[in-house]
């Protein structure tokens, strides 16, 4: 079974996260905003990932990025 890659870009703000998603081919698409909370990140990862999908997530570095990294790593099951 081949695995597709989906790219997720996150612009972090104090209260919200702006999300953009790109497939392997094509332009990124605005996926909207979610709350800057661990449960919202877990829900996002569950909704975009799944069997046969490899998520590659990048986020804006800065003071709001530390908690986001921990939530994303937990949701994805890794620590990178």
C-alpha atoms as a PDB file:
ATOM      1  CA  UNK A   1       0.000   0.000   0.000  1.00  0.00           C
ATOM      2  CA  UNK A   2       1.494   3.319  -0.999  1.00  0.00           C
ATOM      3  CA  UNK A   3       1.391   6.232   1.370  1.00  0.00           C
ATOM      4  CA  UNK A   4       0.457   9.747   0.292  1.00  0.00           C
ATOM      5  CA  UNK A   5       2.029  12.790   1.890  1.00  0.00           C
ATOM      6  CA  UNK A   6      -0.025  15.746   3.067  1.00  0.00           C
ATOM      7  CA  UNK A   7       1.743  18.962   4.088  1.00  0.00           C
ATOM      8  CA  UNK A   8       0.316  21.094   6.904  1.00  0.00           C
ATOM      9  CA  UNK A   9       1.482  24.641   7.622  1.00  0.00           C
ATOM     10  CA  UNK A  10       0.529  26.302  10.886  1.00  0.00           C
ATOM     11  CA  UNK A  11       0.765  30.023  11.676  1.00  0.00           C
ATOM     12  CA  UNK A  12       0.611  30.249  15.467  1.00  0.00           C
ATOM     13  CA  UNK A  13      -1.045  33.073  17.382  1.00  0.00           C
ATOM     14  CA  UNK A  14      -1.779  33.346  21.090  1.00  0.00           C
ATOM     15  CA  UNK A  15      -5.405  32.164  20.853  1.00  0.00           C
ATOM     16  CA  UNK A  16      -5.667  30.632  17.364  1.00  0.00           C
ATOM     17  CA  UNK A  17      -3.777  28.627  14.766  1.00  0.00           C
ATOM     18  CA  UNK A  18      -4.198  29.357  11.052  1.00  0.00           C
ATOM     19  CA  UNK A  19      -3.947  26.170   8.998  1.00  0.00           C
ATOM     20  CA  UNK A  20      -2.948  25.611   5.354  1.00  0.00           C
ATOM     21  CA  UNK A  21      -2.883  22.170   3.731  1.00  0.00           C
ATOM     22  CA  UNK A  22      -1.143  21.027   0.562  1.00  0.00           C
ATOM     23  CA  UNK A  23      -1.306  17.690  -1.154  1.00  0.00           C
ATOM     24  CA  UNK A  24       1.685  16.257  -3.027  1.00  0.00           C
ATOM     25  CA  UNK A  25       0.491  18.043  -6.177  1.00  0.00           C
ATOM     26  CA  UNK A  26      -1.237  21.398  -6.349  1.00  0.00           C
ATOM     27  CA  UNK A  27      -1.399  24.643  -4.439  1.00  0.00           C
ATOM     28  CA  UNK A  28      -1.841  24.957  -0.663  1.00  0.00           C
ATOM     29  CA  UNK A  29      -5.401  25.513   0.507  1.00  0.00           C
ATOM     30  CA  UNK A  30      -6.511  27.635   3.463  1.00  0.00           C
ATOM     31  CA  UNK A  31      -7.959  25.154   5.967  1.00  0.00           C
ATOM     32  CA  UNK A  32      -9.192  27.847   8.353  1.00  0.00           C
ATOM     33  CA  UNK A  33      -8.455  28.542  12.008  1.00  0.00           C
ATOM     34  CA  UNK A  34      -8.610  26.428  15.121  1.00  0.00           C
ATOM     35  CA  UNK A  35      -8.134  27.199  18.796  1.00  0.00           C
ATOM     36  CA  UNK A  36      -4.554  27.144  20.007  1.00  0.00           C
ATOM     37  CA  UNK A  37      -5.294  24.244  22.362  1.00  0.00           C
ATOM     38  CA  UNK A  38      -3.906  20.683  22.487  1.00  0.00           C
ATOM     39  CA  UNK A  39      -7.302  19.043  21.897  1.00  0.00           C
ATOM     40  CA  UNK A  40      -7.884  21.144  18.768  1.00  0.00           C
ATOM     41  CA  UNK A  41      -4.457  20.071  17.431  1.00  0.00           C
ATOM     42  CA  UNK A  42      -5.256  16.402  18.146  1.00  0.00           C
ATOM     43  CA  UNK A  43      -8.570  16.737  16.308  1.00  0.00           C
ATOM     44  CA  UNK A  44      -6.830  18.418  13.341  1.00  0.00           C
ATOM     45  CA  UNK A  45      -4.214  15.657  13.090  1.00  0.00           C
ATOM     46  CA  UNK A  46      -6.868  12.922  13.322  1.00  0.00           C
ATOM     47  CA  UNK A  47      -8.929  14.622  10.621  1.00  0.00           C
ATOM     48  CA  UNK A  48      -6.077  15.188   8.183  1.00  0.00           C
ATOM     49  CA  UNK A  49      -4.112  12.006   8.831  1.00  0.00           C
ATOM     50  CA  UNK A  50      -5.140   8.399   8.980  1.00  0.00           C
ATOM     51  CA  UNK A  51      -4.275   5.156   7.300  1.00  0.00           C
ATOM     52  CA  UNK A  52      -2.207   5.662   4.187  1.00  0.00           C
ATOM     53  CA  UNK A  53      -1.464   9.333   4.924  1.00  0.00           C
ATOM     54  CA  UNK A  54       1.869  10.701   6.119  1.00  0.00           C
ATOM     55  CA  UNK A  55       1.554  14.174   7.632  1.00  0.00           C
ATOM     56  CA  UNK A  56       4.446  16.621   7.370  1.00  0.00           C
ATOM     57  CA  UNK A  57       3.766  19.520   9.717  1.00  0.00           C
ATOM     58  CA  UNK A  58       5.623  22.827   9.866  1.00  0.00           C
ATOM     59  CA  UNK A  59       4.807  25.688  12.164  1.00  0.00           C
ATOM     60  CA  UNK A  60       5.997  29.192  12.793  1.00  0.00           C
ATOM     61  CA  UNK A  61       8.737  29.251  15.405  1.00  0.00           C
ATOM     62  CA  UNK A  62       8.316  31.643  18.277  1.00  0.00           C
ATOM     63  CA  UNK A  63       7.008  31.840  21.832  1.00  0.00           C
ATOM     64  CA  UNK A  64       3.698  30.202  20.880  1.00  0.00           C
ATOM     65  CA  UNK A  65       5.467  27.295  19.167  1.00  0.00           C
ATOM     66  CA  UNK A  66       6.680  25.321  22.197  1.00  0.00           C
ATOM     67  CA  UNK A  67       3.257  24.178  23.376  1.00  0.00           C
ATOM     68  CA  UNK A  68       2.207  23.646  19.754  1.00  0.00           C
ATOM     69  CA  UNK A  69       5.212  21.368  19.172  1.00  0.00           C
ATOM     70  CA  UNK A  70       4.372  19.286  22.240  1.00  0.00           C
ATOM     71  CA  UNK A  71       0.702  18.960  21.225  1.00  0.00           C
ATOM     72  CA  UNK A  72       1.595  18.062  17.639  1.00  0.00           C
ATOM     73  CA  UNK A  73       4.224  15.516  18.708  1.00  0.00           C
ATOM     74  CA  UNK A  74       1.745  13.898  21.095  1.00  0.00           C
ATOM     75  CA  UNK A  75      -1.009  13.808  18.465  1.00  0.00           C
ATOM     76  CA  UNK A  76       1.340  12.291  15.862  1.00  0.00           C
ATOM     77  CA  UNK A  77       2.878   9.827  18.295  1.00  0.00           C
ATOM     78  CA  UNK A  78       6.455  11.097  18.064  1.00  0.00           C
ATOM     79  CA  UNK A  79       8.764  13.669  19.570  1.00  0.00           C
ATOM     80  CA  UNK A  80      10.367  15.229  16.476  1.00  0.00           C
END
